Amino acid sequence: MRETPYRLFDVTCAAAGLVIMMPVFAALAALILWNDGPPVLFSQWRVGRRGRQFRIWKFRTMRAGDKGSLVTAAGDKRVTRIGATLRRFKLDELPQFFNVLKGDMSLVGPRPEIPECVRLDAPIWQAVLQVRPGVTDLATLMYRDEEDQLGASSDPEATYRETVLPAKLVLNLLYLRSKSFWRDLKLLYLTVRFSLFPEELDRDLIRRTLALEFQNE
């Protein structure tokens, strides 16, 4: 797979997105400050390509300084009122355009995990970490309602580590084996669509649109 055209597309779209979305960034920052005060942004170490760690950036959706589970489930008391809305529509992910410009991430690629959830010695992780992580991917779409699924578990963190994450890694490998520029465009379209209208999540539509063969979740 040639990387240069993909990288050019990433940089062009991320730069354009930052310019076009600047009023949205300003509005979201003002809402966060009004609702819960500073800071506006949240950063966290994630594992990127070839195991290199980098800081990912998001709009802050939880109360500053709150500690707790490594995963976020529906009903998590740490999430602010504005934060819940940002998470529902995935608006908290917008600052990752800066990560794309820097080269830590691509628009499409496996979502980067926190170091505590990554096993660098595992073959499946080694395969997934051969590419840049992304703002969105197939697993993100298929698990668009992940927080609701985890909220139904008595131990959300264990459920994530033992069930959800392994399934996501399989989806990551499936997509990488059949990745194409055209398929990436369709995945980006689906990401925008289900971010704007999360209640319309349709996994069968995702399967048909991306023309991928995988087991039902």
C-alpha atoms as a PDB file:
ATOM      1  CA  MET A   1       0.000   0.000   0.000  1.00  0.00           C
ATOM      2  CA  ARG A   2       1.404   3.366  -1.016  1.00  0.00           C
ATOM      3  CA  GLU A   3       1.319   5.751   1.942  1.00  0.00           C
ATOM      4  CA  THR A   4       2.028   9.118   0.269  1.00  0.00           C
ATOM      5  CA  PRO A   5      -1.422   9.618  -1.358  1.00  0.00           C
ATOM      6  CA  TYR A   6      -3.121   8.640   1.908  1.00  0.00           C
ATOM      7  CA  ARG A   7      -0.952  11.034   3.886  1.00  0.00           C
ATOM      8  CA  LEU A   8      -1.627  13.876   1.449  1.00  0.00           C
ATOM      9  CA  PHE A   9      -5.360  13.228   1.753  1.00  0.00           C
ATOM     10  CA  ASP A  10      -5.118  13.152   5.563  1.00  0.00           C
ATOM     11  CA  VAL A  11      -3.232  16.433   5.774  1.00  0.00           C
ATOM     12  CA  THR A  12      -5.475  18.207   3.258  1.00  0.00           C
ATOM     13  CA  CYS A  13      -8.704  17.111   4.943  1.00  0.00           C
ATOM     14  CA  ALA A  14      -7.446  17.751   8.478  1.00  0.00           C
ATOM     15  CA  ALA A  15      -6.222  21.245   7.597  1.00  0.00           C
ATOM     16  CA  ALA A  16      -9.458  22.084   5.780  1.00  0.00           C
ATOM     17  CA  GLY A  17     -11.488  20.636   8.643  1.00  0.00           C
ATOM     18  CA  LEU A  18      -9.684  22.771  11.205  1.00  0.00           C
ATOM     19  CA  VAL A  19     -10.295  25.937   9.191  1.00  0.00           C
ATOM     20  CA  ILE A  20     -13.951  25.174   8.434  1.00  0.00           C
ATOM     21  CA  MET A  21     -14.731  23.920  11.938  1.00  0.00           C
ATOM     22  CA  MET A  22     -13.012  26.761  13.806  1.00  0.00           C
ATOM     23  CA  PRO A  23     -16.336  28.415  14.780  1.00  0.00           C
ATOM     24  CA  VAL A  24     -17.522  25.026  16.069  1.00  0.00           C
ATOM     25  CA  PHE A  25     -14.310  24.636  18.062  1.00  0.00           C
ATOM     26  CA  ALA A  26     -14.848  28.070  19.615  1.00  0.00           C
ATOM     27  CA  ALA A  27     -18.475  27.312  20.473  1.00  0.00           C
ATOM     28  CA  LEU A  28     -17.633  23.961  22.042  1.00  0.00           C
ATOM     29  CA  ALA A  29     -14.802  25.506  24.057  1.00  0.00           C
ATOM     30  CA  ALA A  30     -17.174  28.185  25.350  1.00  0.00           C
ATOM     31  CA  LEU A  31     -19.758  25.562  26.343  1.00  0.00           C
ATOM     32  CA  ILE A  32     -17.195  23.504  28.233  1.00  0.00           C
ATOM     33  CA  LEU A  33     -15.910  26.590  30.083  1.00  0.00           C
ATOM     34  CA  TRP A  34     -19.453  27.699  30.912  1.00  0.00           C
ATOM     35  CA  ASN A  35     -20.539  24.257  32.091  1.00  0.00           C
ATOM     36  CA  ASP A  36     -17.494  23.079  34.050  1.00  0.00           C
ATOM     37  CA  GLY A  37     -14.678  25.599  33.731  1.00  0.00           C
ATOM     38  CA  PRO A  38     -11.167  24.933  32.404  1.00  0.00           C
ATOM     39  CA  PRO A  39      -9.407  23.081  30.940  1.00  0.00           C
ATOM     40  CA  VAL A  40     -11.119  22.828  27.570  1.00  0.00           C
ATOM     41  CA  LEU A  41      -8.918  20.080  26.163  1.00  0.00           C
ATOM     42  CA  PHE A  42      -7.971  16.672  27.517  1.00  0.00           C
ATOM     43  CA  SER A  43      -4.855  14.746  26.514  1.00  0.00           C
ATOM     44  CA  GLN A  44      -3.940  11.136  27.132  1.00  0.00           C
ATOM     45  CA  TRP A  45      -1.091   8.831  26.173  1.00  0.00           C
ATOM     46  CA  ARG A  46      -2.030   6.321  23.491  1.00  0.00           C
ATOM     47  CA  VAL A  47      -0.091   3.644  21.628  1.00  0.00           C
ATOM     48  CA  GLY A  48       0.493   4.437  17.972  1.00  0.00           C
ATOM     49  CA  ARG A  49       2.298   3.020  14.988  1.00  0.00           C
ATOM     50  CA  ARG A  50       4.976   0.429  15.817  1.00  0.00           C
ATOM     51  CA  GLY A  51       4.228   0.855  19.523  1.00  0.00           C
ATOM     52  CA  ARG A  52       5.310   4.493  19.734  1.00  0.00           C
ATOM     53  CA  GLN A  53       3.300   6.407  22.327  1.00  0.00           C
ATOM     54  CA  PHE A  54       1.831   9.834  21.604  1.00  0.00           C
ATOM     55  CA  ARG A  55      -0.572  12.277  23.209  1.00  0.00           C
ATOM     56  CA  ILE A  56      -4.080  12.222  21.786  1.00  0.00           C
ATOM     57  CA  TRP A  57      -6.212  15.357  22.114  1.00  0.00           C
ATOM     58  CA  LYS A  58      -9.933  15.600  22.809  1.00  0.00           C
ATOM     59  CA  PHE A  59     -12.409  18.118  24.109  1.00  0.00           C
ATOM     60  CA  ARG A  60     -12.763  17.428  27.825  1.00  0.00           C
ATOM     61  CA  THR A  61     -15.971  15.545  28.650  1.00  0.00           C
ATOM     62  CA  MET A  62     -15.275  14.527  32.265  1.00  0.00           C
ATOM     63  CA  ARG A  63     -14.806  16.529  35.429  1.00  0.00           C
ATOM     64  CA  ALA A  64     -11.185  17.594  35.728  1.00  0.00           C
ATOM     65  CA  GLY A  65      -9.127  15.476  38.082  1.00  0.00           C
ATOM     66  CA  ASP A  66     -11.676  12.688  38.481  1.00  0.00           C
ATOM     67  CA  LYS A  67     -10.135   9.225  38.646  1.00  0.00           C
ATOM     68  CA  GLY A  68     -11.838   5.940  37.971  1.00  0.00           C
ATOM     69  CA  SER A  69     -12.192   3.100  35.504  1.00  0.00           C
ATOM     70  CA  LEU A  70     -10.021   2.993  32.387  1.00  0.00           C
ATOM     71  CA  VAL A  71     -13.178   2.705  30.284  1.00  0.00           C
ATOM     72  CA  THR A  72     -16.294   4.836  30.112  1.00  0.00           C
ATOM     73  CA  ALA A  73     -19.713   3.227  30.328  1.00  0.00           C
ATOM     74  CA  ALA A  74     -23.166   4.746  29.992  1.00  0.00           C
ATOM     75  CA  GLY A  75     -24.126   6.534  33.179  1.00  0.00           C
ATOM     76  CA  ASP A  76     -20.519   7.238  34.228  1.00  0.00           C
ATOM     77  CA  LYS A  77     -20.781   9.926  36.902  1.00  0.00           C
ATOM     78  CA  ARG A  78     -17.502  11.504  35.774  1.00  0.00           C
ATOM     79  CA  VAL A  79     -19.046  12.718  32.504  1.00  0.00           C
ATOM     80  CA  THR A  80     -20.295  16.309  32.578  1.00  0.00           C
ATOM     81  CA  ARG A  81     -23.648  17.404  31.188  1.00  0.00           C
ATOM     82  CA  ILE A  82     -22.065  19.020  28.138  1.00  0.00           C
ATOM     83  CA  GLY A  83     -19.615  16.139  27.921  1.00  0.00           C
ATOM     84  CA  ALA A  84     -22.421  13.624  27.480  1.00  0.00           C
ATOM     85  CA  THR A  85     -23.652  15.517  24.427  1.00  0.00           C
ATOM     86  CA  LEU A  86     -20.158  15.820  22.985  1.00  0.00           C
ATOM     87  CA  ARG A  87     -19.602  12.084  23.395  1.00  0.00           C
ATOM     88  CA  ARG A  88     -22.976  11.184  21.885  1.00  0.00           C
ATOM     89  CA  PHE A  89     -22.187  13.040  18.665  1.00  0.00           C
ATOM     90  CA  LYS A  90     -18.421  12.305  18.799  1.00  0.00           C
ATOM     91  CA  LEU A  91     -17.657  16.027  18.847  1.00  0.00           C
ATOM     92  CA  ASP A  92     -15.034  15.454  21.531  1.00  0.00           C
ATOM     93  CA  GLU A  93     -12.851  13.754  18.883  1.00  0.00           C
ATOM     94  CA  LEU A  94     -12.512  16.846  16.657  1.00  0.00           C
ATOM     95  CA  PRO A  95      -9.186  18.064  18.139  1.00  0.00           C
ATOM     96  CA  GLN A  96      -7.594  14.905  16.745  1.00  0.00           C
ATOM     97  CA  PHE A  97      -7.305  16.758  13.449  1.00  0.00           C
ATOM     98  CA  PHE A  98      -4.207  18.228  15.108  1.00  0.00           C
ATOM     99  CA  ASN A  99      -2.906  14.698  15.716  1.00  0.00           C
ATOM    100  CA  VAL A 100      -3.488  13.956  12.030  1.00  0.00           C
ATOM    101  CA  LEU A 101      -1.545  17.037  10.934  1.00  0.00           C
ATOM    102  CA  LYS A 102       1.307  16.122  13.251  1.00  0.00           C
ATOM    103  CA  GLY A 103       1.497  12.639  11.752  1.00  0.00           C
ATOM    104  CA  ASP A 104       0.554  10.682  14.869  1.00  0.00           C
ATOM    105  CA  MET A 105      -2.766   9.644  13.334  1.00  0.00           C
ATOM    106  CA  SER A 106      -4.628   9.179  10.063  1.00  0.00           C
ATOM    107  CA  LEU A 107      -8.262   9.917   9.356  1.00  0.00           C
ATOM    108  CA  VAL A 108      -8.924   6.176   8.956  1.00  0.00           C
ATOM    109  CA  GLY A 109      -7.057   3.577  10.974  1.00  0.00           C
ATOM    110  CA  PRO A 110      -7.355   1.435  14.109  1.00  0.00           C
ATOM    111  CA  ARG A 111      -8.330   3.527  17.090  1.00  0.00           C
ATOM    112  CA  PRO A 112      -5.321   3.960  19.416  1.00  0.00           C
ATOM    113  CA  GLU A 113      -5.556   2.325  22.827  1.00  0.00           C
ATOM    114  CA  ILE A 114      -4.141   3.356  26.178  1.00  0.00           C
ATOM    115  CA  PRO A 115      -0.867   1.559  27.066  1.00  0.00           C
ATOM    116  CA  GLU A 116      -2.575  -0.458  29.802  1.00  0.00           C
ATOM    117  CA  CYS A 117      -4.715  -2.252  27.211  1.00  0.00           C
ATOM    118  CA  VAL A 118      -1.983  -3.007  24.657  1.00  0.00           C
ATOM    119  CA  ARG A 119       0.083  -6.204  24.522  1.00  0.00           C
ATOM    120  CA  LEU A 120       3.040  -5.413  22.289  1.00  0.00           C
ATOM    121  CA  ASP A 121       4.162  -9.052  22.312  1.00  0.00           C
ATOM    122  CA  ALA A 122       0.861 -10.356  20.913  1.00  0.00           C
ATOM    123  CA  PRO A 123       0.854 -11.089  17.127  1.00  0.00           C
ATOM    124  CA  ILE A 124      -2.524  -9.445  16.570  1.00  0.00           C
ATOM    125  CA  TRP A 125      -1.314  -6.230  18.212  1.00  0.00           C
ATOM    126  CA  GLN A 126       1.893  -6.301  16.186  1.00  0.00           C
ATOM    127  CA  ALA A 127      -0.164  -6.545  12.997  1.00  0.00           C
ATOM    128  CA  VAL A 128      -2.565  -3.746  13.963  1.00  0.00           C
ATOM    129  CA  LEU A 129       0.258  -1.436  15.034  1.00  0.00           C
ATOM    130  CA  GLN A 130       1.927  -1.588  11.624  1.00  0.00           C
ATOM    131  CA  VAL A 131      -0.233   1.345  10.504  1.00  0.00           C
ATOM    132  CA  ARG A 132      -1.040   4.768  11.897  1.00  0.00           C
ATOM    133  CA  PRO A 133      -4.015   4.795  14.254  1.00  0.00           C
ATOM    134  CA  GLY A 134      -7.050   6.669  13.027  1.00  0.00           C
ATOM    135  CA  VAL A 135      -9.782   9.076  14.044  1.00  0.00           C
ATOM    136  CA  THR A 136     -12.279   6.449  12.882  1.00  0.00           C
ATOM    137  CA  ASP A 137     -12.274   2.836  11.783  1.00  0.00           C
ATOM    138  CA  LEU A 138     -14.552  -0.123  11.161  1.00  0.00           C
ATOM    139  CA  ALA A 139     -14.525  -1.148  14.824  1.00  0.00           C
ATOM    140  CA  THR A 140     -15.551   2.365  15.857  1.00  0.00           C
ATOM    141  CA  LEU A 141     -18.586   2.160  13.589  1.00  0.00           C
ATOM    142  CA  MET A 142     -19.587  -1.340  14.637  1.00  0.00           C
ATOM    143  CA  TYR A 143     -19.215  -0.393  18.312  1.00  0.00           C
ATOM    144  CA  ARG A 144     -20.757   3.058  17.951  1.00  0.00           C
ATOM    145  CA  ASP A 145     -22.922   2.286  21.021  1.00  0.00           C
ATOM    146  CA  GLU A 146     -20.067   0.796  23.027  1.00  0.00           C
ATOM    147  CA  GLU A 147     -20.778   2.869  26.130  1.00  0.00           C
ATOM    148  CA  ASP A 148     -24.332   1.537  26.267  1.00  0.00           C
ATOM    149  CA  GLN A 149     -23.046  -2.035  25.940  1.00  0.00           C
ATOM    150  CA  LEU A 150     -20.528  -1.508  28.729  1.00  0.00           C
ATOM    151  CA  GLY A 151     -23.163   0.187  30.878  1.00  0.00           C
ATOM    152  CA  ALA A 152     -25.144  -3.060  30.892  1.00  0.00           C
ATOM    153  CA  SER A 153     -22.168  -4.961  32.333  1.00  0.00           C
ATOM    154  CA  SER A 154     -21.508  -5.467  36.039  1.00  0.00           C
ATOM    155  CA  ASP A 155     -17.782  -5.018  35.312  1.00  0.00           C
ATOM    156  CA  PRO A 156     -17.370  -2.678  32.310  1.00  0.00           C
ATOM    157  CA  GLU A 157     -13.573  -2.713  32.378  1.00  0.00           C
ATOM    158  CA  ALA A 158     -13.371  -6.517  32.345  1.00  0.00           C
ATOM    159  CA  THR A 159     -15.993  -6.686  29.598  1.00  0.00           C
ATOM    160  CA  TYR A 160     -13.993  -4.254  27.518  1.00  0.00           C
ATOM    161  CA  ARG A 161     -10.682  -6.073  27.956  1.00  0.00           C
ATOM    162  CA  GLU A 162     -12.052  -9.597  27.538  1.00  0.00           C
ATOM    163  CA  THR A 163     -14.832  -9.157  24.976  1.00  0.00           C
ATOM    164  CA  VAL A 164     -15.035  -5.791  23.245  1.00  0.00           C
ATOM    165  CA  LEU A 165     -11.337  -5.099  22.619  1.00  0.00           C
ATOM    166  CA  PRO A 166     -10.540  -8.549  21.155  1.00  0.00           C
ATOM    167  CA  ALA A 167     -13.520  -8.198  18.806  1.00  0.00           C
ATOM    168  CA  LYS A 168     -12.326  -4.750  17.765  1.00  0.00           C
ATOM    169  CA  LEU A 169      -8.856  -6.061  16.972  1.00  0.00           C
ATOM    170  CA  VAL A 170     -10.339  -8.732  14.694  1.00  0.00           C
ATOM    171  CA  LEU A 171     -12.331  -6.043  12.868  1.00  0.00           C
ATOM    172  CA  ASN A 172      -9.188  -3.930  12.566  1.00  0.00           C
ATOM    173  CA  LEU A 173      -7.326  -6.779  10.873  1.00  0.00           C
ATOM    174  CA  LEU A 174     -10.256  -7.527   8.592  1.00  0.00           C
ATOM    175  CA  TYR A 175     -10.394  -3.937   7.400  1.00  0.00           C
ATOM    176  CA  LEU A 176      -6.642  -3.560   6.970  1.00  0.00           C
ATOM    177  CA  ARG A 177      -6.512  -6.645   4.745  1.00  0.00           C
ATOM    178  CA  SER A 178      -9.005  -5.126   2.327  1.00  0.00           C
ATOM    179  CA  LYS A 179      -8.259  -1.428   2.796  1.00  0.00           C
ATOM    180  CA  SER A 180      -8.612   0.862  -0.209  1.00  0.00           C
ATOM    181  CA  PHE A 181      -8.947   4.592  -0.742  1.00  0.00           C
ATOM    182  CA  TRP A 182     -12.531   4.217  -1.995  1.00  0.00           C
ATOM    183  CA  ARG A 183     -13.486   2.080   1.010  1.00  0.00           C
ATOM    184  CA  ASP A 184     -11.906   4.685   3.322  1.00  0.00           C
ATOM    185  CA  LEU A 185     -14.095   7.386   1.761  1.00  0.00           C
ATOM    186  CA  LYS A 186     -17.205   5.311   2.364  1.00  0.00           C
ATOM    187  CA  LEU A 187     -16.124   4.652   5.954  1.00  0.00           C
ATOM    188  CA  LEU A 188     -15.647   8.392   6.532  1.00  0.00           C
ATOM    189  CA  TYR A 189     -19.118   9.041   5.109  1.00  0.00           C
ATOM    190  CA  LEU A 190     -20.644   6.464   7.462  1.00  0.00           C
ATOM    191  CA  THR A 191     -18.752   7.968  10.405  1.00  0.00           C
ATOM    192  CA  VAL A 192     -20.151  11.435   9.706  1.00  0.00           C
ATOM    193  CA  ARG A 193     -23.639  10.060   9.122  1.00  0.00           C
ATOM    194  CA  PHE A 194     -23.829   8.090  12.369  1.00  0.00           C
ATOM    195  CA  SER A 195     -22.157  10.892  14.326  1.00  0.00           C
ATOM    196  CA  LEU A 196     -24.869  13.305  13.234  1.00  0.00           C
ATOM    197  CA  PHE A 197     -27.641  10.723  13.630  1.00  0.00           C
ATOM    198  CA  PRO A 198     -26.430   8.174  16.219  1.00  0.00           C
ATOM    199  CA  GLU A 199     -29.929   6.817  16.743  1.00  0.00           C
ATOM    200  CA  GLU A 200     -29.874   5.536  13.139  1.00  0.00           C
ATOM    201  CA  LEU A 201     -26.933   3.180  13.713  1.00  0.00           C
ATOM    202  CA  ASP A 202     -27.342   0.294  11.247  1.00  0.00           C
ATOM    203  CA  ARG A 203     -24.670  -2.405  11.313  1.00  0.00           C
ATOM    204  CA  ASP A 204     -26.147  -4.185   8.307  1.00  0.00           C
ATOM    205  CA  LEU A 205     -25.856  -0.961   6.309  1.00  0.00           C
ATOM    206  CA  ILE A 206     -22.215  -0.679   7.365  1.00  0.00           C
ATOM    207  CA  ARG A 207     -21.555  -4.226   6.158  1.00  0.00           C
ATOM    208  CA  ARG A 208     -23.281  -3.624   2.827  1.00  0.00           C
ATOM    209  CA  THR A 209     -21.698  -0.235   2.189  1.00  0.00           C
ATOM    210  CA  LEU A 210     -18.167  -1.410   2.953  1.00  0.00           C
ATOM    211  CA  ALA A 211     -18.742  -4.748   1.181  1.00  0.00           C
ATOM    212  CA  LEU A 212     -16.989  -6.689   3.938  1.00  0.00           C
ATOM    213  CA  GLU A 213     -17.710 -10.225   5.055  1.00  0.00           C
ATOM    214  CA  PHE A 214     -17.591 -10.655   8.802  1.00  0.00           C
ATOM    215  CA  GLN A 215     -19.605 -12.269  11.524  1.00  0.00           C
ATOM    216  CA  ASN A 216     -22.521 -10.496  13.125  1.00  0.00           C
ATOM    217  CA  GLU A 217     -21.671  -8.836  16.406  1.00  0.00           C
END
